Protein backbone atom coordinates (compact mmCIF):
# COMPACT_ATOMS: atom_id res chain seq x y z
CA MET A 1 82.10 0.15 95.60
CA ASN A 2 81.71 0.45 99.17
CA PRO A 3 80.79 4.18 100.06
CA GLU A 4 82.88 5.59 103.01
CA ALA A 5 81.57 6.33 106.24
CA GLY A 6 79.97 9.49 106.09
CA TYR A 7 78.09 9.81 103.33
CA GLY A 8 74.67 7.73 105.39
CA TRP A 9 71.21 7.50 106.28
CA GLN A 10 69.40 6.57 109.51
CA ASN A 11 65.95 5.18 110.07
CA GLN A 12 63.69 7.96 110.56
CA GLY A 13 63.39 9.98 113.78
CA GLN A 14 66.64 9.00 114.65
CA SER A 15 70.02 11.23 114.55
CA LEU A 16 72.94 10.31 111.88
CA LYS A 17 75.87 8.79 113.69
CA ASN A 18 79.10 9.87 114.21
CA ALA A 19 80.90 8.59 110.63
CA ALA A 20 83.72 6.84 112.37
CA THR A 21 81.43 4.50 114.30
CA ARG A 22 79.90 3.38 110.57
CA LYS A 23 80.77 0.07 110.53
CA LYS A 24 82.28 -0.68 106.78
CA GLY A 25 80.08 -4.09 105.97
CA GLN A 26 77.04 -3.68 108.61
CA GLN A 27 75.77 -0.10 107.92
CA THR A 28 77.07 0.06 104.41
CA TRP A 29 75.92 -1.39 100.72
CA ASN A 30 78.65 -2.39 98.13
CA CYS A 31 77.75 -1.84 94.18
CA TYR A 32 79.30 -3.86 91.65
CA LEU A 33 80.21 -2.02 88.50
CA SER A 34 81.56 -2.77 85.13
CA LEU A 35 82.45 -0.57 82.50
CA ASP A 36 82.01 -1.48 78.80
CA LEU A 37 85.01 0.15 77.16
CA LYS A 38 84.09 -0.45 73.52
CA GLU A 39 80.83 1.25 74.47
CA GLU A 40 81.98 3.65 77.10
CA ARG A 41 78.92 1.98 78.87
CA LEU A 42 78.86 1.28 82.47
CA ALA A 43 76.41 -1.29 84.55
CA TRP A 44 76.03 -1.46 87.38
CA GLN A 45 74.11 -4.11 90.45
CA TYR A 46 73.86 -3.36 94.60
CA THR A 47 74.32 -6.06 96.84
CA SER A 48 73.77 -6.14 100.99
CA ALA A 49 77.17 -8.01 100.61
CA THR A 50 80.35 -8.70 99.00
CA ASN A 51 81.25 -11.79 98.27
CA SER A 52 82.67 -14.64 95.78
CA TRP A 53 78.89 -15.92 94.89
CA GLU A 54 77.28 -12.65 94.77
CA THR A 55 80.03 -11.77 92.13
CA CYS A 56 79.28 -14.84 90.41
CA VAL A 57 75.93 -13.87 89.73
CA PHE A 58 76.64 -10.27 88.29
CA LEU A 59 79.73 -11.97 85.74
CA HIS A 60 76.94 -14.22 85.07
CA GLU A 61 74.48 -11.29 84.31
CA ARG A 62 77.58 -9.27 82.19
CA LEU A 63 78.52 -12.59 80.54
CA ALA A 64 74.50 -12.69 79.24
CA TRP A 65 74.75 -8.77 77.83
CA HIS A 66 77.77 -9.67 76.18
CA GLU A 67 76.81 -12.40 74.49
CA GLN A 68 74.12 -11.04 72.71
CA LEU A 69 76.78 -8.02 71.55
CA GLY A 70 78.28 -10.94 69.91
CA HIS A 71 81.27 -10.39 71.70
CA ARG A 72 83.34 -13.49 72.23
CA THR A 73 85.92 -12.41 75.47
CA LEU A 74 84.96 -10.43 78.89
CA VAL A 75 88.55 -9.00 80.32
CA LEU A 76 87.48 -8.19 84.30
CA VAL A 77 90.14 -6.69 85.53
CA TRP A 78 90.30 -6.18 89.33
CA ASP A 79 92.20 -6.09 92.22
CA LEU A 80 93.41 -8.58 95.19
CA ALA A 81 90.07 -8.34 97.11
CA SER A 82 89.01 -11.24 98.49
CA TRP A 83 85.99 -12.17 96.99
CA HIS A 84 88.31 -11.92 93.33
CA THR A 85 90.38 -14.27 94.78
CA SER A 86 88.61 -17.05 96.53
CA ARG A 87 89.41 -20.69 95.36
CA ASP A 88 85.29 -20.71 94.52
CA LEU A 89 85.34 -17.89 92.37
CA ARG A 90 88.60 -19.54 90.58
CA HIS A 91 86.74 -22.54 90.11
CA TRP A 92 83.69 -21.02 88.58
CA ILE A 93 85.60 -19.62 85.83
CA ARG A 94 87.83 -21.89 84.75
CA SER A 95 84.41 -24.55 84.87
CA HIS A 96 82.66 -21.44 82.66
CA ASN A 97 85.59 -21.42 80.66
CA ARG A 98 85.33 -24.82 79.98
CA ARG A 99 82.16 -24.71 79.06
CA VAL A 100 82.76 -21.89 76.41
CA ARG A 101 85.34 -23.80 75.17
CA ARG A 102 83.74 -27.04 74.75
CA LEU A 103 80.69 -25.74 73.67
CA GLY A 104 82.11 -23.45 71.36
CA GLN A 105 80.07 -20.39 71.69
CA GLY A 106 79.46 -18.07 75.14
CA VAL A 107 81.88 -15.47 76.59
CA LYS A 108 85.60 -16.55 77.49
CA LEU A 109 86.24 -14.90 80.29
CA VAL A 110 89.88 -13.54 81.59
CA PRO A 111 90.61 -12.26 84.93
CA VAL A 112 93.22 -9.59 84.80
CA THR A 113 94.57 -9.35 88.91
CA LEU A 114 96.26 -5.74 89.19
CA PRO A 115 99.26 -5.08 91.39
CA VAL A 116 98.60 -3.86 95.09
CA HIS A 117 98.25 -0.54 95.61
CA ALA A 118 97.64 0.06 91.87
CA PHE A 119 94.02 1.40 91.91
CA TRP A 120 95.18 3.33 88.96
CA LEU A 121 94.83 0.97 85.94
CA ASN A 122 91.64 -0.15 86.82
CA PRO A 123 89.41 2.53 84.68
CA VAL A 124 86.15 1.50 86.61
CA GLU A 125 88.62 2.86 89.56
CA ALA A 126 88.41 6.71 88.03
CA HIS A 127 83.98 6.38 87.71
CA ILE A 128 83.69 5.41 91.20
CA GLY A 129 86.10 8.35 92.67
CA HIS A 130 83.91 10.54 90.56
CA ALA A 131 80.63 9.43 91.87
CA LYS A 132 82.01 9.28 95.49
CA ARG A 133 82.82 13.02 94.93
CA ARG A 134 80.04 14.60 93.12
CA VAL A 135 77.28 12.66 93.82
CA LEU A 136 77.87 11.93 97.76
CA PRO A 137 79.48 14.77 99.34
CA CYS A 138 77.89 16.97 102.03
CA ARG A 139 74.07 15.15 101.40
CA GLN A 140 73.00 13.10 104.30
CA PHE A 141 69.87 10.08 102.56
CA ALA A 142 67.29 9.63 104.62
CA ALA A 143 67.80 5.53 103.49
CA PRO A 144 70.06 3.06 101.30
CA LEU A 145 67.99 3.55 98.47
CA ASP A 146 67.81 7.27 97.88
CA GLN A 147 71.47 7.19 98.04
CA GLN A 148 70.84 3.89 95.39
CA GLN A 149 68.88 6.30 93.72
CA ALA A 150 71.11 9.54 93.31
CA LEU A 151 73.96 6.92 91.74
CA ASP A 152 71.62 5.54 89.60
CA GLN A 153 70.72 9.08 88.36
CA HIS A 154 74.59 10.21 88.30
CA TRP A 155 75.37 6.99 85.83
CA LEU A 156 72.41 6.58 83.56
CA HIS A 157 73.25 10.65 82.72
CA ARG A 158 76.75 9.64 82.24
CA ASN A 159 75.50 6.76 79.65
CA LEU A 160 73.80 8.88 78.14
CA ARG A 161 76.39 11.93 77.68
CA CYS A 162 79.42 9.04 77.08
CA ALA A 163 78.06 5.98 75.69
CA HIS A 164 78.65 5.00 72.23
CA ALA A 165 75.67 3.05 70.44
CA PRO A 166 76.86 1.53 67.47
CA SER A 167 74.74 2.54 64.06
CA PRO A 168 72.48 1.04 62.02
CA GLU A 169 74.62 1.29 59.60
CA ASP A 170 77.79 -0.63 61.09
CA LEU A 171 75.40 -3.43 62.23
CA ILE A 172 74.39 -4.05 58.80
CA PRO A 173 77.81 -5.85 57.69
CA VAL A 174 77.43 -7.69 60.77
CA LEU A 175 73.76 -8.98 60.42
CA HIS A 176 74.85 -10.24 56.98
């Protein structure tokens, strides 16, 4: 997720720049967003850049979380962004999957690349679009942190409303 031009900020005491003059990647920030379909829970992380290694860091955190939940496979549905298809990231995924296979423990990564212009096939895109329409329009933020806090609040409330946490009765067969 990269907030669109016009939903911006400017240093205190300076007027906001014309939306058309903002440059993506220079006056914006990035957000990695993932959706756990089983629990209907969103997870997110903000970064100043989007690249292969930032993606690896986010994936590593998600893998640790899913391993704690006892999951065996994590399916990555994403577009053809350069940081999703980079040689470094593909190598990292292959190395990770080999390690999982060799050790017999961990969560295997299965990347699924969507066709060009098929964003509607990615369930996360709906949450991104909803947040951009619901939280960001017609608001000016004093700093990037304020904008991020508004999104944090939106996604946290969404998780509290929609996420399905297993009840203790459902966990008893798994624990024994």
